[in-house]
C-alpha atoms as a PDB file:
ATOM      1  CA  MET A   1      -0.074  -0.211  -0.452  1.00  0.00           C
ATOM      2  CA  SER A   2       1.389   3.879  -1.030  1.00  0.00           C
ATOM      3  CA  ALA A   3       1.674   6.007   2.065  1.00  0.00           C
ATOM      4  CA  ARG A   4      -1.006   7.975   2.116  1.00  0.00           C
ATOM      5  CA  SER A   5      -0.117  12.263   1.685  1.00  0.00           C
ATOM      6  CA  ARG A   6       0.291  14.298   3.834  1.00  0.00           C
ATOM      7  CA  ILE A   7      -1.756  17.465   4.779  1.00  0.00           C
ATOM      8  CA  MET A   8      -0.891  20.120   7.447  1.00  0.00           C
ATOM      9  CA  ILE A   9      -4.370  22.314   8.143  1.00  0.00           C
ATOM     10  CA  VAL A  10      -3.717  25.863   8.833  1.00  0.00           C
ATOM     11  CA  ASP A  11      -6.919  27.801   9.913  1.00  0.00           C
ATOM     12  CA  ASP A  12      -7.724  29.547  13.953  1.00  0.00           C
ATOM     13  CA  HIS A  13     -11.405  28.178  13.852  1.00  0.00           C
ATOM     14  CA  PRO A  14     -10.297  24.072  15.966  1.00  0.00           C
ATOM     15  CA  ILE A  15     -13.869  23.012  15.294  1.00  0.00           C
ATOM     16  CA  PHE A  16     -13.645  24.072  11.729  1.00  0.00           C
ATOM     17  CA  ARG A  17     -10.158  21.827  11.797  1.00  0.00           C
ATOM     18  CA  LYS A  18     -11.285  20.001  13.461  1.00  0.00           C
ATOM     19  CA  GLY A  19     -14.077  18.954  10.680  1.00  0.00           C
ATOM     20  CA  LEU A  20     -11.890  19.295   7.610  1.00  0.00           C
ATOM     21  CA  GLY A  21      -9.400  16.863   9.988  1.00  0.00           C
ATOM     22  CA  GLN A  22     -12.291  14.282   9.988  1.00  0.00           C
ATOM     23  CA  LEU A  23     -13.441  14.719   6.646  1.00  0.00           C
ATOM     24  CA  ILE A  24      -9.325  14.053   5.210  1.00  0.00           C
ATOM     25  CA  ASN A  25      -8.410  11.049   7.895  1.00  0.00           C
ATOM     26  CA  GLU A  26     -12.147   8.893   6.503  1.00  0.00           C
ATOM     27  CA  GLU A  27      -9.660   9.183   3.187  1.00  0.00           C
ATOM     28  CA  THR A  28      -7.508   6.266   3.169  1.00  0.00           C
ATOM     29  CA  ASP A  29      -5.220   7.947   1.096  1.00  0.00           C
ATOM     30  CA  MET A  30      -4.454  11.192   2.552  1.00  0.00           C
ATOM     31  CA  GLU A  31      -4.532  12.180   6.300  1.00  0.00           C
ATOM     32  CA  VAL A  32      -3.984  15.401   8.226  1.00  0.00           C
ATOM     33  CA  CYS A  33      -0.087  15.123   9.774  1.00  0.00           C
ATOM     34  CA  GLY A  34      -0.650  18.545  11.543  1.00  0.00           C
ATOM     35  CA  GLU A  35      -2.699  21.787  13.107  1.00  0.00           C
ATOM     36  CA  ALA A  36      -1.702  25.643  13.013  1.00  0.00           C
ATOM     37  CA  GLU A  37      -3.942  28.230  13.815  1.00  0.00           C
ATOM     38  CA  ASP A  38      -1.600  31.035  12.514  1.00  0.00           C
ATOM     39  CA  VAL A  39       1.642  32.014  10.410  1.00  0.00           C
ATOM     40  CA  PRO A  40       4.334  31.760  13.143  1.00  0.00           C
ATOM     41  CA  GLY A  41       2.449  28.307  13.756  1.00  0.00           C
ATOM     42  CA  ALA A  42       2.577  26.932  10.756  1.00  0.00           C
ATOM     43  CA  LYS A  43       6.255  27.957  10.191  1.00  0.00           C
ATOM     44  CA  ARG A  44       6.715  26.347  13.119  1.00  0.00           C
ATOM     45  CA  LEU A  45       5.185  23.010  11.914  1.00  0.00           C
ATOM     46  CA  LEU A  46       6.509  23.167   8.279  1.00  0.00           C
ATOM     47  CA  ASP A  47      10.226  22.481   8.687  1.00  0.00           C
ATOM     48  CA  LYS A  48       9.464  19.773  11.366  1.00  0.00           C
ATOM     49  CA  LEU A  49       6.584  18.014   9.568  1.00  0.00           C
ATOM     50  CA  LYS A  50       7.716  18.176   6.126  1.00  0.00           C
ATOM     51  CA  PRO A  51       3.809  18.555   5.000  1.00  0.00           C
ATOM     52  CA  ASP A  52       3.032  17.553   0.878  1.00  0.00           C
ATOM     53  CA  MET A  53       0.418  20.073   0.766  1.00  0.00           C
ATOM     54  CA  VAL A  54      -0.878  23.324   3.416  1.00  0.00           C
ATOM     55  CA  ILE A  55      -4.213  24.075   3.490  1.00  0.00           C
ATOM     56  CA  VAL A  56      -4.139  27.721   3.783  1.00  0.00           C
ATOM     57  CA  ASP A  57      -7.271  29.883   5.223  1.00  0.00           C
ATOM     58  CA  LEU A  58      -6.029  34.004   4.509  1.00  0.00           C
ATOM     59  CA  SER A  59      -7.969  35.151   7.434  1.00  0.00           C
ATOM     60  CA  LEU A  60      -5.708  34.198  10.318  1.00  0.00           C
ATOM     61  CA  LYS A  61      -4.377  35.789  14.097  1.00  0.00           C
ATOM     62  CA  GLY A  62      -2.226  38.302  13.283  1.00  0.00           C
ATOM     63  CA  VAL A  63      -0.789  38.027   9.622  1.00  0.00           C
ATOM     64  CA  SER A  64      -2.412  37.187   6.369  1.00  0.00           C
ATOM     65  CA  GLY A  65      -3.472  33.600   5.041  1.00  0.00           C
ATOM     66  CA  LEU A  66      -1.797  35.448   2.012  1.00  0.00           C
ATOM     67  CA  GLU A  67       1.714  35.876   3.361  1.00  0.00           C
ATOM     68  CA  LEU A  68       1.929  32.403   4.627  1.00  0.00           C
ATOM     69  CA  ILE A  69       1.956  31.310   1.211  1.00  0.00           C
ATOM     70  CA  ARG A  70       4.270  33.300  -0.289  1.00  0.00           C
ATOM     71  CA  TYR A  71       7.062  32.284   2.076  1.00  0.00           C
ATOM     72  CA  ILE A  72       5.839  28.357   1.353  1.00  0.00           C
ATOM     73  CA  HIS A  73       5.986  29.150  -2.224  1.00  0.00           C
ATOM     74  CA  ASP A  74       9.444  30.901  -1.741  1.00  0.00           C
ATOM     75  CA  GLN A  75      10.785  28.405   0.837  1.00  0.00           C
ATOM     76  CA  SER A  76       9.436  25.062  -0.798  1.00  0.00           C
ATOM     77  CA  PRO A  77       8.245  26.122  -4.040  1.00  0.00           C
ATOM     78  CA  GLY A  78       6.855  21.527  -4.867  1.00  0.00           C
ATOM     79  CA  ARG A  79       4.870  21.975  -1.725  1.00  0.00           C
ATOM     80  CA  LEU A  80       1.235  22.200  -2.317  1.00  0.00           C
ATOM     81  CA  VAL A  81      -0.905  25.792  -1.241  1.00  0.00           C
ATOM     82  CA  LEU A  82      -4.666  24.845  -1.287  1.00  0.00           C
ATOM     83  CA  VAL A  83      -6.853  28.177  -0.112  1.00  0.00           C
ATOM     84  CA  MET A  84     -10.183  26.871   1.024  1.00  0.00           C
ATOM     85  CA  SER A  85     -11.674  30.260   3.225  1.00  0.00           C
ATOM     86  CA  MET A  86     -14.905  32.601   3.337  1.00  0.00           C
ATOM     87  CA  HIS A  87     -13.235  35.475   2.111  1.00  0.00           C
ATOM     88  CA  ASP A  88     -14.854  36.760  -1.390  1.00  0.00           C
ATOM     89  CA  GLU A  89     -13.140  35.034  -4.586  1.00  0.00           C
ATOM     90  CA  ALA A  90     -13.330  37.633  -6.742  1.00  0.00           C
ATOM     91  CA  VAL A  91     -10.959  40.250  -4.353  1.00  0.00           C
ATOM     92  CA  TYR A  92      -8.459  37.071  -3.346  1.00  0.00           C
ATOM     93  CA  ALA A  93      -8.523  34.190  -5.511  1.00  0.00           C
ATOM     94  CA  GLU A  94      -6.338  35.670  -8.308  1.00  0.00           C
ATOM     95  CA  ARG A  95      -3.984  37.166  -5.451  1.00  0.00           C
ATOM     96  CA  ALA A  96      -3.722  33.837  -4.073  1.00  0.00           C
ATOM     97  CA  LEU A  97      -3.074  32.065  -7.085  1.00  0.00           C
ATOM     98  CA  LYS A  98      -0.230  34.822  -7.870  1.00  0.00           C
ATOM     99  CA  ALA A  99       1.548  34.395  -4.301  1.00  0.00           C
ATOM    100  CA  GLY A 100       1.870  30.262  -5.456  1.00  0.00           C
ATOM    101  CA  ALA A 101      -1.911  28.870  -4.172  1.00  0.00           C
ATOM    102  CA  ARG A 102      -2.951  25.720  -6.498  1.00  0.00           C
ATOM    103  CA  GLY A 103      -6.432  25.879  -5.832  1.00  0.00           C
ATOM    104  CA  TYR A 104      -8.478  27.886  -4.250  1.00  0.00           C
ATOM    105  CA  ILE A 105     -12.463  26.941  -2.186  1.00  0.00           C
ATOM    106  CA  MET A 106     -15.378  28.826  -0.400  1.00  0.00           C
ATOM    107  CA  LYS A 107     -15.967  26.618   3.354  1.00  0.00           C
ATOM    108  CA  GLN A 108     -18.917  26.656   1.983  1.00  0.00           C
ATOM    109  CA  GLU A 109     -18.195  23.436  -0.685  1.00  0.00           C
ATOM    110  CA  MET A 110     -15.809  22.572   1.826  1.00  0.00           C
ATOM    111  CA  THR A 111     -18.489  18.611   2.250  1.00  0.00           C
ATOM    112  CA  GLY A 112     -18.934  18.216  -1.124  1.00  0.00           C
ATOM    113  CA  LYS A 113     -15.686  19.126  -3.003  1.00  0.00           C
ATOM    114  CA  VAL A 114     -13.275  19.287  -0.656  1.00  0.00           C
ATOM    115  CA  VAL A 115     -11.862  15.965  -1.566  1.00  0.00           C
ATOM    116  CA  THR A 116     -11.620  16.232  -4.783  1.00  0.00           C
ATOM    117  CA  ALA A 117      -9.994  19.477  -4.393  1.00  0.00           C
ATOM    118  CA  LEU A 118      -6.894  18.010  -2.825  1.00  0.00           C
ATOM    119  CA  ARG A 119      -6.934  14.997  -4.676  1.00  0.00           C
ATOM    120  CA  GLN A 120      -6.733  17.270  -8.268  1.00  0.00           C
ATOM    121  CA  VAL A 121      -3.956  19.232  -6.252  1.00  0.00           C
ATOM    122  CA  LEU A 122      -1.719  16.544  -5.174  1.00  0.00           C
ATOM    123  CA  ASN A 123      -2.369  15.102  -8.725  1.00  0.00           C
ATOM    124  CA  GLY A 124      -0.388  18.203 -10.594  1.00  0.00           C
ATOM    125  CA  ARG A 125      -3.628  19.624 -11.070  1.00  0.00           C
ATOM    126  CA  MET A 126      -5.354  23.443 -10.288  1.00  0.00           C
ATOM    127  CA  PHE A 127      -8.737  23.657  -8.624  1.00  0.00           C
ATOM    128  CA  PHE A 128     -10.502  26.876  -8.401  1.00  0.00           C
ATOM    129  CA  SER A 129     -14.570  26.359  -8.318  1.00  0.00           C
ATOM    130  CA  GLU A 130     -16.139  27.678 -11.645  1.00  0.00           C
ATOM    131  CA  ASP A 131     -17.146  31.327 -10.131  1.00  0.00           C
ATOM    132  CA  ILE A 132     -13.974  32.162 -10.062  1.00  0.00           C
ATOM    133  CA  VAL A 133     -13.136  30.335 -13.130  1.00  0.00           C
ATOM    134  CA  GLU A 134     -15.767  32.705 -15.076  1.00  0.00           C
ATOM    135  CA  SER A 135     -14.374  35.825 -13.095  1.00  0.00           C
ATOM    136  CA  ILE A 136     -11.056  35.208 -14.049  1.00  0.00           C
ATOM    137  CA  LEU A 137     -11.586  34.573 -17.160  1.00  0.00           C
ATOM    138  CA  GLY A 138     -14.019  37.360 -17.623  1.00  0.00           C
ATOM    139  CA  ARG A 139     -11.893  39.654 -16.711  1.00  0.00           C
ATOM    140  CA  VAL A 140      -8.851  38.332 -18.564  1.00  0.00           C
ATOM    141  CA  ALA A 141     -11.485  38.996 -21.448  1.00  0.00           C
ATOM    142  CA  ILE A 142     -12.169  42.614 -21.264  1.00  0.00           C
ATOM    143  CA  ASP A 143     -10.529  45.450 -21.431  1.00  0.00           C
ATOM    144  CA  SER A 144      -7.301  44.999 -17.911  1.00  0.00           C
ATOM    145  CA  SER A 145      -7.377  49.102 -17.967  1.00  0.00           C
ATOM    146  CA  ALA A 146     -11.386  48.797 -17.161  1.00  0.00           C
ATOM    147  CA  ILE A 147     -12.168  49.673 -13.918  1.00  0.00           C
ATOM    148  CA  ARG A 148     -13.641  46.377 -11.388  1.00  0.00           C
ATOM    149  CA  LYS A 149     -16.283  47.461 -10.081  1.00  0.00           C
ATOM    150  CA  ASP A 150     -14.852  47.400  -6.138  1.00  0.00           C
ATOM    151  CA  PRO A 151     -12.234  49.320  -5.475  1.00  0.00           C
ATOM    152  CA  VAL A 152     -11.032  47.475  -3.283  1.00  0.00           C
ATOM    153  CA  SER A 153      -9.830  44.973  -6.080  1.00  0.00           C
ATOM    154  CA  THR A 154      -7.415  47.619  -6.632  1.00  0.00           C
ATOM    155  CA  LEU A 155      -4.984  47.676  -2.689  1.00  0.00           C
ATOM    156  CA  SER A 156      -1.739  46.087  -3.013  1.00  0.00           C
ATOM    157  CA  ASP A 157      -1.506  42.814  -1.199  1.00  0.00           C
ATOM    158  CA  ARG A 158      -0.237  44.974   2.215  1.00  0.00           C
ATOM    159  CA  GLU A 159      -2.431  47.547   0.606  1.00  0.00           C
ATOM    160  CA  LEU A 160      -5.543  44.983   1.801  1.00  0.00           C
ATOM    161  CA  GLU A 161      -3.631  43.023   4.725  1.00  0.00           C
ATOM    162  CA  VAL A 162      -3.428  46.867   6.376  1.00  0.00           C
ATOM    163  CA  PHE A 163      -7.029  48.260   5.756  1.00  0.00           C
ATOM    164  CA  THR A 164      -8.690  44.607   6.982  1.00  0.00           C
ATOM    165  CA  LEU A 165      -6.127  44.661  10.581  1.00  0.00           C
ATOM    166  CA  ILE A 166      -7.720  48.406  10.423  1.00  0.00           C
ATOM    167  CA  GLY A 167     -11.358  46.851  10.192  1.00  0.00           C
ATOM    168  CA  ARG A 168     -10.424  44.568  13.064  1.00  0.00           C
ATOM    169  CA  GLY A 169      -9.462  47.012  15.010  1.00  0.00           C
ATOM    170  CA  MET A 170      -6.056  47.630  15.419  1.00  0.00           C
ATOM    171  CA  GLY A 171      -4.139  50.648  15.943  1.00  0.00           C
ATOM    172  CA  ARG A 172      -0.977  51.506  14.365  1.00  0.00           C
ATOM    173  CA  GLN A 173       1.722  50.399  16.982  1.00  0.00           C
ATOM    174  CA  GLU A 174       0.284  46.642  17.118  1.00  0.00           C
ATOM    175  CA  MET A 175       0.430  46.577  12.951  1.00  0.00           C
ATOM    176  CA  ALA A 176       3.651  47.951  12.527  1.00  0.00           C
ATOM    177  CA  SER A 177       4.715  45.419  15.099  1.00  0.00           C
ATOM    178  CA  LEU A 178       2.962  42.627  13.488  1.00  0.00           C
ATOM    179  CA  LEU A 179       4.089  43.463  10.207  1.00  0.00           C
ATOM    180  CA  ASN A 180       7.626  44.809  11.320  1.00  0.00           C
ATOM    181  CA  VAL A 181       7.429  47.328   9.811  1.00  0.00           C
ATOM    182  CA  SER A 182       7.830  51.341  10.947  1.00  0.00           C
ATOM    183  CA  ILE A 183       4.875  53.454  11.904  1.00  0.00           C
ATOM    184  CA  LYS A 184       5.598  55.325   9.423  1.00  0.00           C
ATOM    185  CA  THR A 185       4.944  53.018   6.806  1.00  0.00           C
ATOM    186  CA  ILE A 186       1.596  52.095   7.721  1.00  0.00           C
ATOM    187  CA  GLY A 187       1.185  55.634   7.963  1.00  0.00           C
ATOM    188  CA  SER A 188       2.088  55.556   4.194  1.00  0.00           C
ATOM    189  CA  TYR A 189      -1.030  52.770   3.366  1.00  0.00           C
ATOM    190  CA  ARG A 190      -3.058  53.689   5.017  1.00  0.00           C
ATOM    191  CA  GLU A 191      -2.407  56.965   3.029  1.00  0.00           C
ATOM    192  CA  LYS A 192      -2.156  55.325  -0.046  1.00  0.00           C
ATOM    193  CA  ILE A 193      -5.516  52.667   0.770  1.00  0.00           C
ATOM    194  CA  LYS A 194      -7.488  56.844   1.356  1.00  0.00           C
ATOM    195  CA  GLU A 195      -6.252  57.611  -1.896  1.00  0.00           C
ATOM    196  CA  LYS A 196      -7.530  53.994  -3.777  1.00  0.00           C
ATOM    197  CA  LEU A 197     -10.712  54.276  -2.161  1.00  0.00           C
ATOM    198  CA  THR A 198     -11.456  58.222  -1.844  1.00  0.00           C
ATOM    199  CA  ILE A 199     -11.685  58.479   1.705  1.00  0.00           C
ATOM    200  CA  LYS A 200     -10.627  61.533   2.566  1.00  0.00           C
ATOM    201  CA  SER A 201     -10.352  60.732   7.404  1.00  0.00           C
ATOM    202  CA  SER A 202      -9.445  58.464   9.139  1.00  0.00           C
ATOM    203  CA  PRO A 203     -12.659  57.578  10.775  1.00  0.00           C
ATOM    204  CA  GLU A 204     -14.262  57.450   7.526  1.00  0.00           C
ATOM    205  CA  LEU A 205     -11.087  54.977   6.537  1.00  0.00           C
ATOM    206  CA  ALA A 206     -12.183  53.327  10.015  1.00  0.00           C
ATOM    207  CA  LYS A 207     -15.966  53.231   9.510  1.00  0.00           C
ATOM    208  CA  ARG A 208     -15.230  51.231   5.672  1.00  0.00           C
ATOM    209  CA  ALA A 209     -12.150  48.763   6.535  1.00  0.00           C
ATOM    210  CA  VAL A 210     -14.943  47.618   9.726  1.00  0.00           C
ATOM    211  CA  GLU A 211     -17.470  47.343   6.798  1.00  0.00           C
ATOM    212  CA  TRP A 212     -15.377  45.250   5.097  1.00  0.00           C
ATOM    213  CA  VAL A 213     -14.240  43.104   7.847  1.00  0.00           C
ATOM    214  CA  GLN A 214     -17.888  42.284   8.658  1.00  0.00           C
ATOM    215  CA  SER A 215     -18.960  41.854   4.672  1.00  0.00           C
ATOM    216  CA  GLN A 216     -15.673  39.168   4.791  1.00  0.00           C
ATOM    217  CA  GLY A 217     -17.243  37.221   7.591  1.00  0.00           C
ATOM    218  CA  GLY A 218     -15.087  38.567   9.801  1.00  0.00           C
END
């Protein structure tokens, strides 16, 4: 019998990790080898466990899952990553793909599609939901200079991360420590976000950020 594919789960909800783990461990060709709730914990386990694949949620405690995907891609290009998230596909799917993910599945689709997605990625192919594929192909078909409906999609990955942290109520000092940058740099990101989203004041920025985080399921 061939060895099972080793899969690591990175998600900050223990109940979700447990449910997903049970689903995976029921299969004869794959097993969960470890779990982490945040990026630092995941980095520590990666070197120790050396999983074949990592399932990453984008909304983690502290640093975004996108940073973890980039880290995995840089440190171990052959290690497979499947994103499983509640986040809006239209904003995050292409970012995850560019960061190095091989697939993207919404948590709402987990029960019916996760095993198919895992096997497809493990077999060297990519997996994206039909909605994501249509969204990506639709943008390829139109003029790339066309303005997208959602201005949040114009933010860079780091600007989006700062915008999300603002929405979670995090202050400048805390953000600077978390992202390992200066408070001045955080201020620069805030100004760029305000400019791109045509926001005039800090209170309005905070309000928009909170609304964005809530719309994305927290």
